[in-house]
Amino acid sequence: MTQKELVYEVINHKQTDFIPYTIDFEEETIEKYKKFYDIWKEKIKNYILSVSPIDTEKRKEMDKNYVIDIYGSIWRIDLKPMHLEKPGLTQPDFKNYRFPDIEEFIEEERICEVKRFIEENKDKFIVARIGFGLFERTWTICGFENALIWSVTKPDFYEELLNKIYKLQNSFLDICLELPIDGVMFSDDWGDQRGVILGPERWRKFIKGKVAKLYEKVKKSGKVVLSHCCGSIYDIMDDIVEIGLDVLQSVQPEARNMNPYNLKRRYGDKITFWGGLGSQSIIPFGKPEQLKKEIERLCKEMGKGGGYILGCAKPIRPETPLENIITIVEMFTSQRF
């Protein structure tokens, strides 16, 4: 069985002897542990690989510290993490703002490179990424505070903004779905540690219907729908299952009600979970023996009956002790319990 076939097995909720996994590193982690990274890279055989046929940001350098994206937003990049310095849209009005067209994003050379990569990795499960999702794109365009305020005080404008973003993402999907991929990887951080940032009702009002249409388009093409989402989204889990999400990635156990084992018990026959190893807790602060026990438990309990892909909730951060990274790599790749 190829790696691709194994991923399909677990997504179809079939029991497997080995749990497919992914291990990703922050760039700073690679720099810090450079002399060990080549060894890890040889051992790690990620079962899911991602491609980005579209640069959905198209940032241009302003100087060594700042870049401006295609939406007119200025980002500061010399501090970590990079952050939004000045939004492109500062008023709830489109009169003096030009929203980009799909043609501005298309780069034939980039698409050709993606096709070559897919051809070279036929045995892997390949997903196409389309960048920030609907909610996150609103705040990258108009600022986080403005996005939240306008969703309440200027709901018609916020809806219009989302409609423009939705139209663009629908076009991104058209490009992705022409490729021989296995799935589309959406990404939208709807939650913080406490719950849904917009609130469940406002999320249902503004986001749910549009996301449902995007998911439906992917499913009609015969592809798998995956999404990264940080934080606590427990309050909309029923909605997410309802609109057809196949795989939920991140599963941050530290966020409210996102304990992976409880989620598995309630939703394990309806959706596949990917992640669940705590990046804010056990990975940086636990001992290797604790990590071993938790990884073993994830494989045995989350992997029961399929529906689970082993992974860290977030890419491994540079503050992670060396012995913990070694433990993760050894346990994920060997799964000898």
C-alpha atoms as a PDB file:
ATOM      1  CA  MET A   1       0.000   0.000   0.000  1.00  0.00           C
ATOM      2  CA  THR A   2       1.385   3.425  -0.971  1.00  0.00           C
ATOM      3  CA  GLN A   3       1.422   6.389   1.372  1.00  0.00           C
ATOM      4  CA  LYS A   4      -1.406   7.945  -0.658  1.00  0.00           C
ATOM      5  CA  GLU A   5      -3.510   4.785  -0.333  1.00  0.00           C
ATOM      6  CA  LEU A   6      -2.944   4.657   3.423  1.00  0.00           C
ATOM      7  CA  VAL A   7      -4.192   8.237   3.829  1.00  0.00           C
ATOM      8  CA  TYR A   8      -7.309   7.395   1.829  1.00  0.00           C
ATOM      9  CA  GLU A   9      -7.865   4.359   4.062  1.00  0.00           C
ATOM     10  CA  VAL A  10      -7.934   6.382   7.268  1.00  0.00           C
ATOM     11  CA  ILE A  11     -10.058   9.156   5.719  1.00  0.00           C
ATOM     12  CA  ASN A  12     -12.519   6.422   4.770  1.00  0.00           C
ATOM     13  CA  HIS A  13     -12.474   5.337   8.419  1.00  0.00           C
ATOM     14  CA  LYS A  14     -10.727   2.033   7.938  1.00  0.00           C
ATOM     15  CA  GLN A  15      -8.438   0.586  10.570  1.00  0.00           C
ATOM     16  CA  THR A  16      -4.745   0.535   9.611  1.00  0.00           C
ATOM     17  CA  ASP A  17      -1.707  -1.018  11.293  1.00  0.00           C
ATOM     18  CA  PHE A  18       0.327   2.153  10.767  1.00  0.00           C
ATOM     19  CA  ILE A  19      -0.997   5.690  11.274  1.00  0.00           C
ATOM     20  CA  PRO A  20      -0.049   8.115   8.481  1.00  0.00           C
ATOM     21  CA  TYR A  21       1.745  11.163   9.865  1.00  0.00           C
ATOM     22  CA  THR A  22       3.224  14.563   9.084  1.00  0.00           C
ATOM     23  CA  ILE A  23       6.008  16.437  10.888  1.00  0.00           C
ATOM     24  CA  ASP A  24       6.643  20.080  10.026  1.00  0.00           C
ATOM     25  CA  PHE A  25       9.192  22.537  11.404  1.00  0.00           C
ATOM     26  CA  GLU A  26       9.224  26.311  11.737  1.00  0.00           C
ATOM     27  CA  GLU A  27      12.065  27.876   9.755  1.00  0.00           C
ATOM     28  CA  GLU A  28      13.638  29.109  13.001  1.00  0.00           C
ATOM     29  CA  THR A  29      13.664  25.540  14.303  1.00  0.00           C
ATOM     30  CA  ILE A  30      15.505  24.357  11.205  1.00  0.00           C
ATOM     31  CA  GLU A  31      18.075  27.115  11.674  1.00  0.00           C
ATOM     32  CA  LYS A  32      18.558  26.303  15.345  1.00  0.00           C
ATOM     33  CA  TYR A  33      18.981  22.566  14.796  1.00  0.00           C
ATOM     34  CA  LYS A  34      20.553  22.724  11.353  1.00  0.00           C
ATOM     35  CA  LYS A  35      23.168  20.028  12.014  1.00  0.00           C
ATOM     36  CA  PHE A  36      20.452  17.565  13.058  1.00  0.00           C
ATOM     37  CA  TYR A  37      17.867  18.545  10.467  1.00  0.00           C
ATOM     38  CA  ASP A  38      19.381  16.567   7.581  1.00  0.00           C
ATOM     39  CA  ILE A  39      19.202  13.403   9.697  1.00  0.00           C
ATOM     40  CA  TRP A  40      15.566  14.053  10.583  1.00  0.00           C
ATOM     41  CA  LYS A  41      14.733  14.892   6.981  1.00  0.00           C
ATOM     42  CA  GLU A  42      15.990  11.494   5.873  1.00  0.00           C
ATOM     43  CA  LYS A  43      13.851   9.687   8.438  1.00  0.00           C
ATOM     44  CA  ILE A  44      10.644  11.680   7.936  1.00  0.00           C
ATOM     45  CA  LYS A  45       8.369  10.491   5.129  1.00  0.00           C
ATOM     46  CA  ASN A  46       5.418  12.847   5.343  1.00  0.00           C
ATOM     47  CA  TYR A  47       2.278  11.185   4.035  1.00  0.00           C
ATOM     48  CA  ILE A  48       0.605  14.427   2.982  1.00  0.00           C
ATOM     49  CA  LEU A  49       2.375  17.000   0.841  1.00  0.00           C
ATOM     50  CA  SER A  50       1.018  20.409  -0.083  1.00  0.00           C
ATOM     51  CA  VAL A  51       1.381  22.572  -3.156  1.00  0.00           C
ATOM     52  CA  SER A  52       0.448  26.209  -3.720  1.00  0.00           C
ATOM     53  CA  PRO A  53      -0.408  26.762  -7.392  1.00  0.00           C
ATOM     54  CA  ILE A  54      -1.358  30.363  -6.600  1.00  0.00           C
ATOM     55  CA  ASP A  55       0.526  32.976  -4.616  1.00  0.00           C
ATOM     56  CA  THR A  56      -2.507  34.396  -2.839  1.00  0.00           C
ATOM     57  CA  GLU A  57      -0.491  37.171  -1.158  1.00  0.00           C
ATOM     58  CA  LYS A  58       1.822  38.451  -3.929  1.00  0.00           C
ATOM     59  CA  ARG A  59       3.856  40.572  -1.537  1.00  0.00           C
ATOM     60  CA  LYS A  60       6.328  43.148  -2.797  1.00  0.00           C
ATOM     61  CA  GLU A  61       9.302  44.365  -0.791  1.00  0.00           C
ATOM     62  CA  MET A  62       9.115  47.984   0.344  1.00  0.00           C
ATOM     63  CA  ASP A  63      12.381  47.877   2.295  1.00  0.00           C
ATOM     64  CA  LYS A  64      14.194  45.284   4.399  1.00  0.00           C
ATOM     65  CA  ASN A  65      11.556  45.479   7.142  1.00  0.00           C
ATOM     66  CA  TYR A  66       8.266  45.880   5.263  1.00  0.00           C
ATOM     67  CA  VAL A  67       6.306  44.285   2.421  1.00  0.00           C
ATOM     68  CA  ILE A  68       3.002  45.235   0.809  1.00  0.00           C
ATOM     69  CA  ASP A  69       0.575  42.578  -0.409  1.00  0.00           C
ATOM     70  CA  ILE A  70      -1.740  42.617  -3.413  1.00  0.00           C
ATOM     71  CA  TYR A  71      -4.613  43.849  -1.227  1.00  0.00           C
ATOM     72  CA  GLY A  72      -2.642  46.957  -0.229  1.00  0.00           C
ATOM     73  CA  SER A  73      -1.873  45.827   3.310  1.00  0.00           C
ATOM     74  CA  ILE A  74       1.583  46.522   4.735  1.00  0.00           C
ATOM     75  CA  TRP A  75       3.305  43.827   6.800  1.00  0.00           C
ATOM     76  CA  ARG A  76       6.320  44.094   9.061  1.00  0.00           C
ATOM     77  CA  ILE A  77       8.613  41.111   8.480  1.00  0.00           C
ATOM     78  CA  ASP A  78      11.734  41.817  10.541  1.00  0.00           C
ATOM     79  CA  LEU A  79      10.032  40.793  13.808  1.00  0.00           C
ATOM     80  CA  LYS A  80       8.706  37.310  14.506  1.00  0.00           C
ATOM     81  CA  PRO A  81       5.982  36.570  13.849  1.00  0.00           C
ATOM     82  CA  MET A  82       5.450  38.964  10.953  1.00  0.00           C
ATOM     83  CA  HIS A  83       2.411  41.121  11.586  1.00  0.00           C
ATOM     84  CA  LEU A  84      -0.015  43.465   9.865  1.00  0.00           C
ATOM     85  CA  GLU A  85       1.279  47.004  10.234  1.00  0.00           C
ATOM     86  CA  LYS A  86      -1.288  48.898   8.138  1.00  0.00           C
ATOM     87  CA  PRO A  87      -4.394  47.431   6.493  1.00  0.00           C
ATOM     88  CA  GLY A  88      -5.135  48.172   2.854  1.00  0.00           C
ATOM     89  CA  LEU A  89      -8.746  49.087   3.553  1.00  0.00           C
ATOM     90  CA  THR A  90      -9.181  51.482   6.474  1.00  0.00           C
ATOM     91  CA  GLN A  91     -12.785  52.583   5.950  1.00  0.00           C
ATOM     92  CA  PRO A  92     -15.938  50.444   5.482  1.00  0.00           C
ATOM     93  CA  ASP A  93     -16.280  51.686   1.921  1.00  0.00           C
ATOM     94  CA  PHE A  94     -15.036  50.433  -1.472  1.00  0.00           C
ATOM     95  CA  LYS A  95     -15.170  53.820  -3.252  1.00  0.00           C
ATOM     96  CA  ASN A  96     -11.424  54.384  -3.093  1.00  0.00           C
ATOM     97  CA  TYR A  97     -10.341  50.761  -2.912  1.00  0.00           C
ATOM     98  CA  ARG A  98      -9.560  48.416  -5.796  1.00  0.00           C
ATOM     99  CA  PHE A  99     -10.085  44.732  -5.148  1.00  0.00           C
ATOM    100  CA  PRO A 100      -7.649  42.528  -7.133  1.00  0.00           C
ATOM    101  CA  ASP A 101      -8.786  40.389 -10.093  1.00  0.00           C
ATOM    102  CA  ILE A 102      -8.041  36.680 -10.503  1.00  0.00           C
ATOM    103  CA  GLU A 103      -5.797  37.384 -13.519  1.00  0.00           C
ATOM    104  CA  GLU A 104      -3.355  39.209 -11.265  1.00  0.00           C
ATOM    105  CA  PHE A 105      -2.645  36.001  -9.326  1.00  0.00           C
ATOM    106  CA  ILE A 106      -2.041  33.552 -12.164  1.00  0.00           C
ATOM    107  CA  GLU A 107       1.556  32.583 -12.922  1.00  0.00           C
ATOM    108  CA  GLU A 108       1.860  29.856 -15.559  1.00  0.00           C
ATOM    109  CA  GLU A 109       5.440  29.023 -14.568  1.00  0.00           C
ATOM    110  CA  ARG A 110       4.362  28.439 -10.960  1.00  0.00           C
ATOM    111  CA  ILE A 111       1.528  26.153 -12.079  1.00  0.00           C
ATOM    112  CA  CYS A 112       3.935  24.189 -14.280  1.00  0.00           C
ATOM    113  CA  GLU A 113       6.310  23.724 -11.339  1.00  0.00           C
ATOM    114  CA  VAL A 114       3.432  22.428  -9.216  1.00  0.00           C
ATOM    115  CA  LYS A 115       2.476  19.944 -11.947  1.00  0.00           C
ATOM    116  CA  ARG A 116       6.061  18.654 -12.053  1.00  0.00           C
ATOM    117  CA  PHE A 117       6.105  18.257  -8.257  1.00  0.00           C
ATOM    118  CA  ILE A 118       2.843  16.292  -8.303  1.00  0.00           C
ATOM    119  CA  GLU A 119       4.183  14.023 -11.057  1.00  0.00           C
ATOM    120  CA  GLU A 120       7.319  13.317  -9.002  1.00  0.00           C
ATOM    121  CA  ASN A 121       5.283  12.428  -5.885  1.00  0.00           C
ATOM    122  CA  LYS A 122       2.515  10.223  -7.242  1.00  0.00           C
ATOM    123  CA  ASP A 123       2.644   7.932  -4.221  1.00  0.00           C
ATOM    124  CA  LYS A 124       1.926  10.803  -1.793  1.00  0.00           C
ATOM    125  CA  PHE A 125      -1.410  12.357  -0.880  1.00  0.00           C
ATOM    126  CA  ILE A 126      -1.206  15.833  -2.443  1.00  0.00           C
ATOM    127  CA  VAL A 127      -3.287  18.804  -1.330  1.00  0.00           C
ATOM    128  CA  ALA A 128      -3.499  22.237  -2.929  1.00  0.00           C
ATOM    129  CA  ARG A 129      -3.504  25.238  -0.579  1.00  0.00           C
ATOM    130  CA  ILE A 130      -5.380  28.454  -1.339  1.00  0.00           C
ATOM    131  CA  GLY A 131      -4.068  30.679   1.461  1.00  0.00           C
ATOM    132  CA  PHE A 132      -6.065  32.598   4.053  1.00  0.00           C
ATOM    133  CA  GLY A 133      -9.732  31.663   4.271  1.00  0.00           C
ATOM    134  CA  LEU A 134     -12.761  33.948   4.224  1.00  0.00           C
ATOM    135  CA  PHE A 135     -12.607  35.174   7.819  1.00  0.00           C
ATOM    136  CA  GLU A 136      -8.846  35.617   7.994  1.00  0.00           C
ATOM    137  CA  ARG A 137      -8.782  37.406   4.653  1.00  0.00           C
ATOM    138  CA  THR A 138     -11.225  40.019   5.977  1.00  0.00           C
ATOM    139  CA  TRP A 139      -8.843  41.065   8.743  1.00  0.00           C
ATOM    140  CA  THR A 140      -5.718  40.919   6.559  1.00  0.00           C
ATOM    141  CA  ILE A 141      -7.463  43.433   4.286  1.00  0.00           C
ATOM    142  CA  CYS A 142      -9.027  45.774   6.839  1.00  0.00           C
ATOM    143  CA  GLY A 143      -7.310  44.989  10.145  1.00  0.00           C
ATOM    144  CA  PHE A 144      -8.353  42.648  12.932  1.00  0.00           C
ATOM    145  CA  GLU A 145     -10.148  45.190  15.080  1.00  0.00           C
ATOM    146  CA  ASN A 146     -11.937  46.752  12.114  1.00  0.00           C
ATOM    147  CA  ALA A 147     -13.055  43.355  10.829  1.00  0.00           C
ATOM    148  CA  LEU A 148     -14.655  42.442  14.143  1.00  0.00           C
ATOM    149  CA  ILE A 149     -16.229  45.868  14.679  1.00  0.00           C
ATOM    150  CA  TRP A 150     -17.590  46.136  11.138  1.00  0.00           C
ATOM    151  CA  SER A 151     -19.075  42.637  11.306  1.00  0.00           C
ATOM    152  CA  VAL A 152     -21.317  44.108  14.034  1.00  0.00           C
ATOM    153  CA  THR A 153     -21.711  47.786  13.122  1.00  0.00           C
ATOM    154  CA  LYS A 154     -21.511  47.512   9.310  1.00  0.00           C
ATOM    155  CA  PRO A 155     -22.900  44.054   8.538  1.00  0.00           C
ATOM    156  CA  ASP A 156     -23.868  44.916   4.938  1.00  0.00           C
ATOM    157  CA  PHE A 157     -20.351  46.109   4.173  1.00  0.00           C
ATOM    158  CA  TYR A 158     -18.819  43.064   5.888  1.00  0.00           C
ATOM    159  CA  GLU A 159     -21.080  40.804   3.806  1.00  0.00           C
ATOM    160  CA  GLU A 160     -20.038  42.604   0.630  1.00  0.00           C
ATOM    161  CA  LEU A 161     -16.363  42.200   1.558  1.00  0.00           C
ATOM    162  CA  LEU A 162     -16.879  38.493   2.147  1.00  0.00           C
ATOM    163  CA  ASN A 163     -18.681  38.144  -1.189  1.00  0.00           C
ATOM    164  CA  LYS A 164     -15.684  39.649  -2.999  1.00  0.00           C
ATOM    165  CA  ILE A 165     -13.307  37.308  -1.165  1.00  0.00           C
ATOM    166  CA  TYR A 166     -15.583  34.331  -1.847  1.00  0.00           C
ATOM    167  CA  LYS A 167     -15.648  35.104  -5.588  1.00  0.00           C
ATOM    168  CA  LEU A 168     -11.854  35.236  -5.652  1.00  0.00           C
ATOM    169  CA  GLN A 169     -11.477  31.988  -3.684  1.00  0.00           C
ATOM    170  CA  ASN A 170     -13.956  30.306  -5.998  1.00  0.00           C
ATOM    171  CA  SER A 171     -11.644  31.219  -8.880  1.00  0.00           C
ATOM    172  CA  PHE A 172      -8.630  29.925  -6.935  1.00  0.00           C
ATOM    173  CA  LEU A 173     -10.480  26.623  -6.613  1.00  0.00           C
ATOM    174  CA  ASP A 174     -11.043  26.436 -10.377  1.00  0.00           C
ATOM    175  CA  ILE A 175      -7.278  26.546 -10.883  1.00  0.00           C
ATOM    176  CA  CYS A 176      -6.552  23.997  -8.141  1.00  0.00           C
ATOM    177  CA  LEU A 177      -9.187  21.523  -9.289  1.00  0.00           C
ATOM    178  CA  GLU A 178      -7.661  21.321 -12.752  1.00  0.00           C
ATOM    179  CA  LEU A 179      -4.593  19.721 -11.183  1.00  0.00           C
ATOM    180  CA  PRO A 180      -4.231  15.976 -10.419  1.00  0.00           C
ATOM    181  CA  ILE A 181      -4.461  16.534  -6.659  1.00  0.00           C
ATOM    182  CA  ASP A 182      -6.135  14.459  -3.962  1.00  0.00           C
ATOM    183  CA  GLY A 183      -7.655  17.274  -1.959  1.00  0.00           C
ATOM    184  CA  VAL A 184      -7.868  20.979  -1.245  1.00  0.00           C
ATOM    185  CA  MET A 185      -6.414  22.341   1.980  1.00  0.00           C
ATOM    186  CA  PHE A 186      -8.394  25.307   3.240  1.00  0.00           C
ATOM    187  CA  SER A 187      -7.069  27.390   6.124  1.00  0.00           C
ATOM    188  CA  ASP A 188      -9.091  29.734   8.304  1.00  0.00           C
ATOM    189  CA  ASP A 189      -8.466  30.318  12.007  1.00  0.00           C
ATOM    190  CA  TRP A 190     -12.049  30.720  13.171  1.00  0.00           C
ATOM    191  CA  GLY A 191     -11.149  30.151  16.817  1.00  0.00           C
ATOM    192  CA  ASP A 192      -8.974  31.471  19.602  1.00  0.00           C
ATOM    193  CA  GLN A 193      -8.289  29.615  22.846  1.00  0.00           C
ATOM    194  CA  ARG A 194     -11.780  30.380  24.164  1.00  0.00           C
ATOM    195  CA  GLY A 195     -14.047  29.824  21.193  1.00  0.00           C
ATOM    196  CA  VAL A 196     -15.186  31.082  17.799  1.00  0.00           C
ATOM    197  CA  ILE A 197     -13.823  34.610  17.328  1.00  0.00           C
ATOM    198  CA  LEU A 198     -16.845  35.951  15.465  1.00  0.00           C
ATOM    199  CA  GLY A 199     -19.122  33.995  17.780  1.00  0.00           C
ATOM    200  CA  PRO A 200     -21.049  30.911  16.577  1.00  0.00           C
ATOM    201  CA  GLU A 201     -24.128  32.820  15.398  1.00  0.00           C
ATOM    202  CA  ARG A 202     -22.217  35.453  13.459  1.00  0.00           C
ATOM    203  CA  TRP A 203     -20.003  32.734  11.966  1.00  0.00           C
ATOM    204  CA  ARG A 204     -23.144  30.945  10.781  1.00  0.00           C
ATOM    205  CA  LYS A 205     -24.552  34.183   9.390  1.00  0.00           C
ATOM    206  CA  PHE A 206     -21.499  35.308   7.437  1.00  0.00           C
ATOM    207  CA  ILE A 207     -19.167  32.345   6.892  1.00  0.00           C
ATOM    208  CA  LYS A 208     -20.956  28.999   6.954  1.00  0.00           C
ATOM    209  CA  GLY A 209     -22.963  29.219   3.724  1.00  0.00           C
ATOM    210  CA  LYS A 210     -20.043  30.438   1.629  1.00  0.00           C
ATOM    211  CA  VAL A 211     -17.669  27.804   3.001  1.00  0.00           C
ATOM    212  CA  ALA A 212     -20.324  25.135   2.369  1.00  0.00           C
ATOM    213  CA  LYS A 213     -20.409  26.108  -1.325  1.00  0.00           C
ATOM    214  CA  LEU A 214     -16.619  25.951  -1.593  1.00  0.00           C
ATOM    215  CA  TYR A 215     -16.566  22.528   0.074  1.00  0.00           C
ATOM    216  CA  GLU A 216     -19.347  21.296  -2.200  1.00  0.00           C
ATOM    217  CA  LYS A 217     -17.395  22.376  -5.275  1.00  0.00           C
ATOM    218  CA  VAL A 218     -14.367  20.373  -4.138  1.00  0.00           C
ATOM    219  CA  LYS A 219     -16.470  17.305  -3.359  1.00  0.00           C
ATOM    220  CA  LYS A 220     -18.228  17.422  -6.734  1.00  0.00           C
ATOM    221  CA  SER A 221     -14.796  17.221  -8.359  1.00  0.00           C
ATOM    222  CA  GLY A 222     -14.112  14.015  -6.412  1.00  0.00           C
ATOM    223  CA  LYS A 223     -11.494  15.576  -4.137  1.00  0.00           C
ATOM    224  CA  VAL A 224     -11.119  15.507  -0.352  1.00  0.00           C
ATOM    225  CA  VAL A 225     -11.900  18.622   1.702  1.00  0.00           C
ATOM    226  CA  LEU A 226      -9.318  19.411   4.398  1.00  0.00           C
ATOM    227  CA  SER A 227      -8.987  22.513   6.543  1.00  0.00           C
ATOM    228  CA  HIS A 228      -6.508  23.916   9.018  1.00  0.00           C
ATOM    229  CA  CYS A 229      -8.169  25.748  11.878  1.00  0.00           C
ATOM    230  CA  CYS A 230      -6.524  26.842  15.106  1.00  0.00           C
ATOM    231  CA  GLY A 231      -8.174  27.379  18.475  1.00  0.00           C
ATOM    232  CA  SER A 232     -11.501  26.237  19.857  1.00  0.00           C
ATOM    233  CA  ILE A 233     -14.202  25.587  17.275  1.00  0.00           C
ATOM    234  CA  TYR A 234     -16.146  23.093  19.366  1.00  0.00           C
ATOM    235  CA  ASP A 235     -19.256  25.272  19.272  1.00  0.00           C
ATOM    236  CA  ILE A 236     -19.485  24.879  15.478  1.00  0.00           C
ATOM    237  CA  MET A 237     -18.272  21.283  15.136  1.00  0.00           C
ATOM    238  CA  ASP A 238     -21.766  20.083  14.203  1.00  0.00           C
ATOM    239  CA  ASP A 239     -21.904  22.759  11.502  1.00  0.00           C
ATOM    240  CA  ILE A 240     -18.488  21.792  10.135  1.00  0.00           C
ATOM    241  CA  VAL A 241     -19.515  18.150   9.884  1.00  0.00           C
ATOM    242  CA  GLU A 242     -22.817  19.176   8.298  1.00  0.00           C
ATOM    243  CA  ILE A 243     -21.195  21.185   5.486  1.00  0.00           C
ATOM    244  CA  GLY A 244     -18.895  18.320   4.572  1.00  0.00           C
ATOM    245  CA  LEU A 245     -15.421  18.864   5.980  1.00  0.00           C
ATOM    246  CA  ASP A 246     -13.549  15.566   5.623  1.00  0.00           C
ATOM    247  CA  VAL A 247     -10.375  16.352   7.589  1.00  0.00           C
ATOM    248  CA  LEU A 248      -9.849  18.887  10.394  1.00  0.00           C
ATOM    249  CA  GLN A 249      -6.212  19.786  10.956  1.00  0.00           C
ATOM    250  CA  SER A 250      -4.558  21.213  14.056  1.00  0.00           C
ATOM    251  CA  VAL A 251      -6.852  19.990  16.870  1.00  0.00           C
ATOM    252  CA  GLN A 252      -5.156  22.082  19.552  1.00  0.00           C
ATOM    253  CA  PRO A 253      -5.749  20.178  22.811  1.00  0.00           C
ATOM    254  CA  GLU A 254      -5.077  23.274  24.934  1.00  0.00           C
ATOM    255  CA  ALA A 255      -8.035  25.186  23.462  1.00  0.00           C
ATOM    256  CA  ARG A 256     -11.465  24.982  25.138  1.00  0.00           C
ATOM    257  CA  ASN A 257     -13.230  21.647  24.537  1.00  0.00           C
ATOM    258  CA  MET A 258     -10.713  20.574  21.884  1.00  0.00           C
ATOM    259  CA  ASN A 259      -9.474  17.506  23.740  1.00  0.00           C
ATOM    260  CA  PRO A 260      -8.850  15.137  20.810  1.00  0.00           C
ATOM    261  CA  TYR A 261     -10.094  12.038  22.627  1.00  0.00           C
ATOM    262  CA  ASN A 262     -13.431  13.656  23.445  1.00  0.00           C
ATOM    263  CA  LEU A 263     -13.741  14.866  19.870  1.00  0.00           C
ATOM    264  CA  LYS A 264     -12.992  11.366  18.628  1.00  0.00           C
ATOM    265  CA  ARG A 265     -15.700   9.868  20.823  1.00  0.00           C
ATOM    266  CA  ARG A 266     -18.311  12.337  19.589  1.00  0.00           C
ATOM    267  CA  TYR A 267     -17.352  12.887  15.951  1.00  0.00           C
ATOM    268  CA  GLY A 268     -14.880  10.126  15.112  1.00  0.00           C
ATOM    269  CA  ASP A 269     -17.198   8.335  12.697  1.00  0.00           C
ATOM    270  CA  LYS A 270     -18.052  11.557  10.819  1.00  0.00           C
ATOM    271  CA  ILE A 271     -14.742  13.349  10.311  1.00  0.00           C
ATOM    272  CA  THR A 272     -10.998  12.668  10.274  1.00  0.00           C
ATOM    273  CA  PHE A 273      -8.797  14.479  12.793  1.00  0.00           C
ATOM    274  CA  TRP A 274      -5.222  15.439  11.912  1.00  0.00           C
ATOM    275  CA  GLY A 275      -2.906  16.647  14.679  1.00  0.00           C
ATOM    276  CA  GLY A 276      -3.704  16.717  18.380  1.00  0.00           C
ATOM    277  CA  LEU A 277      -0.190  16.601  19.879  1.00  0.00           C
ATOM    278  CA  GLY A 278      -0.035  19.744  22.003  1.00  0.00           C
ATOM    279  CA  SER A 279       2.274  22.409  20.622  1.00  0.00           C
ATOM    280  CA  GLN A 280       1.576  24.729  23.559  1.00  0.00           C
ATOM    281  CA  SER A 281       2.110  22.112  26.235  1.00  0.00           C
ATOM    282  CA  ILE A 282       3.673  18.683  25.965  1.00  0.00           C
ATOM    283  CA  ILE A 283       5.891  19.335  22.923  1.00  0.00           C
ATOM    284  CA  PRO A 284       7.904  22.233  24.409  1.00  0.00           C
ATOM    285  CA  PHE A 285       7.421  21.498  28.121  1.00  0.00           C
ATOM    286  CA  GLY A 286       6.955  17.747  28.472  1.00  0.00           C
ATOM    287  CA  LYS A 287       9.609  15.109  29.090  1.00  0.00           C
ATOM    288  CA  PRO A 288      10.493  12.537  26.392  1.00  0.00           C
ATOM    289  CA  GLU A 289       8.775   9.764  28.364  1.00  0.00           C
ATOM    290  CA  GLN A 290       5.576  11.812  28.557  1.00  0.00           C
ATOM    291  CA  LEU A 291       5.742  12.435  24.840  1.00  0.00           C
ATOM    292  CA  LYS A 292       6.168   8.731  24.125  1.00  0.00           C
ATOM    293  CA  LYS A 293       3.102   7.848  26.156  1.00  0.00           C
ATOM    294  CA  GLU A 294       0.978  10.558  24.566  1.00  0.00           C
ATOM    295  CA  ILE A 295       1.992   9.641  21.005  1.00  0.00           C
ATOM    296  CA  GLU A 296       1.254   6.003  21.722  1.00  0.00           C
ATOM    297  CA  ARG A 297      -2.157   6.944  23.124  1.00  0.00           C
ATOM    298  CA  LEU A 298      -2.943   9.119  20.090  1.00  0.00           C
ATOM    299  CA  CYS A 299      -2.125   6.254  17.743  1.00  0.00           C
ATOM    300  CA  LYS A 300      -4.134   3.679  19.684  1.00  0.00           C
ATOM    301  CA  GLU A 301      -7.193   5.721  20.663  1.00  0.00           C
ATOM    302  CA  MET A 302      -7.462   8.274  17.874  1.00  0.00           C
ATOM    303  CA  GLY A 303      -6.404   5.723  15.261  1.00  0.00           C
ATOM    304  CA  LYS A 304      -9.026   3.168  16.289  1.00  0.00           C
ATOM    305  CA  GLY A 305     -11.346   2.576  13.381  1.00  0.00           C
ATOM    306  CA  GLY A 306      -9.437   4.991  11.145  1.00  0.00           C
ATOM    307  CA  GLY A 307     -10.219   8.678  10.963  1.00  0.00           C
ATOM    308  CA  TYR A 308      -6.901   9.947  12.310  1.00  0.00           C
ATOM    309  CA  ILE A 309      -3.658  11.363  10.896  1.00  0.00           C
ATOM    310  CA  LEU A 310      -0.850  11.716  13.410  1.00  0.00           C
ATOM    311  CA  GLY A 311       0.593  15.189  13.749  1.00  0.00           C
ATOM    312  CA  CYS A 312       1.659  18.039  15.981  1.00  0.00           C
ATOM    313  CA  ALA A 313      -0.978  20.725  16.383  1.00  0.00           C
ATOM    314  CA  LYS A 314       1.494  23.264  14.945  1.00  0.00           C
ATOM    315  CA  PRO A 315       4.911  23.065  13.237  1.00  0.00           C
ATOM    316  CA  ILE A 316       7.657  22.365  15.767  1.00  0.00           C
ATOM    317  CA  ARG A 317       8.848  25.600  17.352  1.00  0.00           C
ATOM    318  CA  PRO A 318      12.509  26.515  18.063  1.00  0.00           C
ATOM    319  CA  GLU A 319      12.003  26.473  21.839  1.00  0.00           C
ATOM    320  CA  THR A 320      11.346  22.717  21.669  1.00  0.00           C
ATOM    321  CA  PRO A 321      14.144  20.778  23.419  1.00  0.00           C
ATOM    322  CA  LEU A 322      16.299  18.667  21.129  1.00  0.00           C
ATOM    323  CA  GLU A 323      15.442  15.443  22.977  1.00  0.00           C
ATOM    324  CA  ASN A 324      11.730  16.114  22.446  1.00  0.00           C
ATOM    325  CA  ILE A 325      12.152  16.571  18.708  1.00  0.00           C
ATOM    326  CA  ILE A 326      14.147  13.347  18.534  1.00  0.00           C
ATOM    327  CA  THR A 327      11.380  11.571  20.446  1.00  0.00           C
ATOM    328  CA  ILE A 328       8.686  12.868  18.068  1.00  0.00           C
ATOM    329  CA  VAL A 329      10.642  11.869  14.969  1.00  0.00           C
ATOM    330  CA  GLU A 330      11.440   8.386  16.317  1.00  0.00           C
ATOM    331  CA  MET A 331       7.933   7.700  17.576  1.00  0.00           C
ATOM    332  CA  PHE A 332       6.096   9.024  14.519  1.00  0.00           C
ATOM    333  CA  THR A 333       8.290   7.223  12.011  1.00  0.00           C
ATOM    334  CA  SER A 334       8.629   3.862  13.776  1.00  0.00           C
ATOM    335  CA  GLN A 335       5.374   3.578  15.797  1.00  0.00           C
ATOM    336  CA  ARG A 336       6.885   0.726  17.815  1.00  0.00           C
ATOM    337  CA  PHE A 337       4.758   0.522  20.938  1.00  0.00           C
END
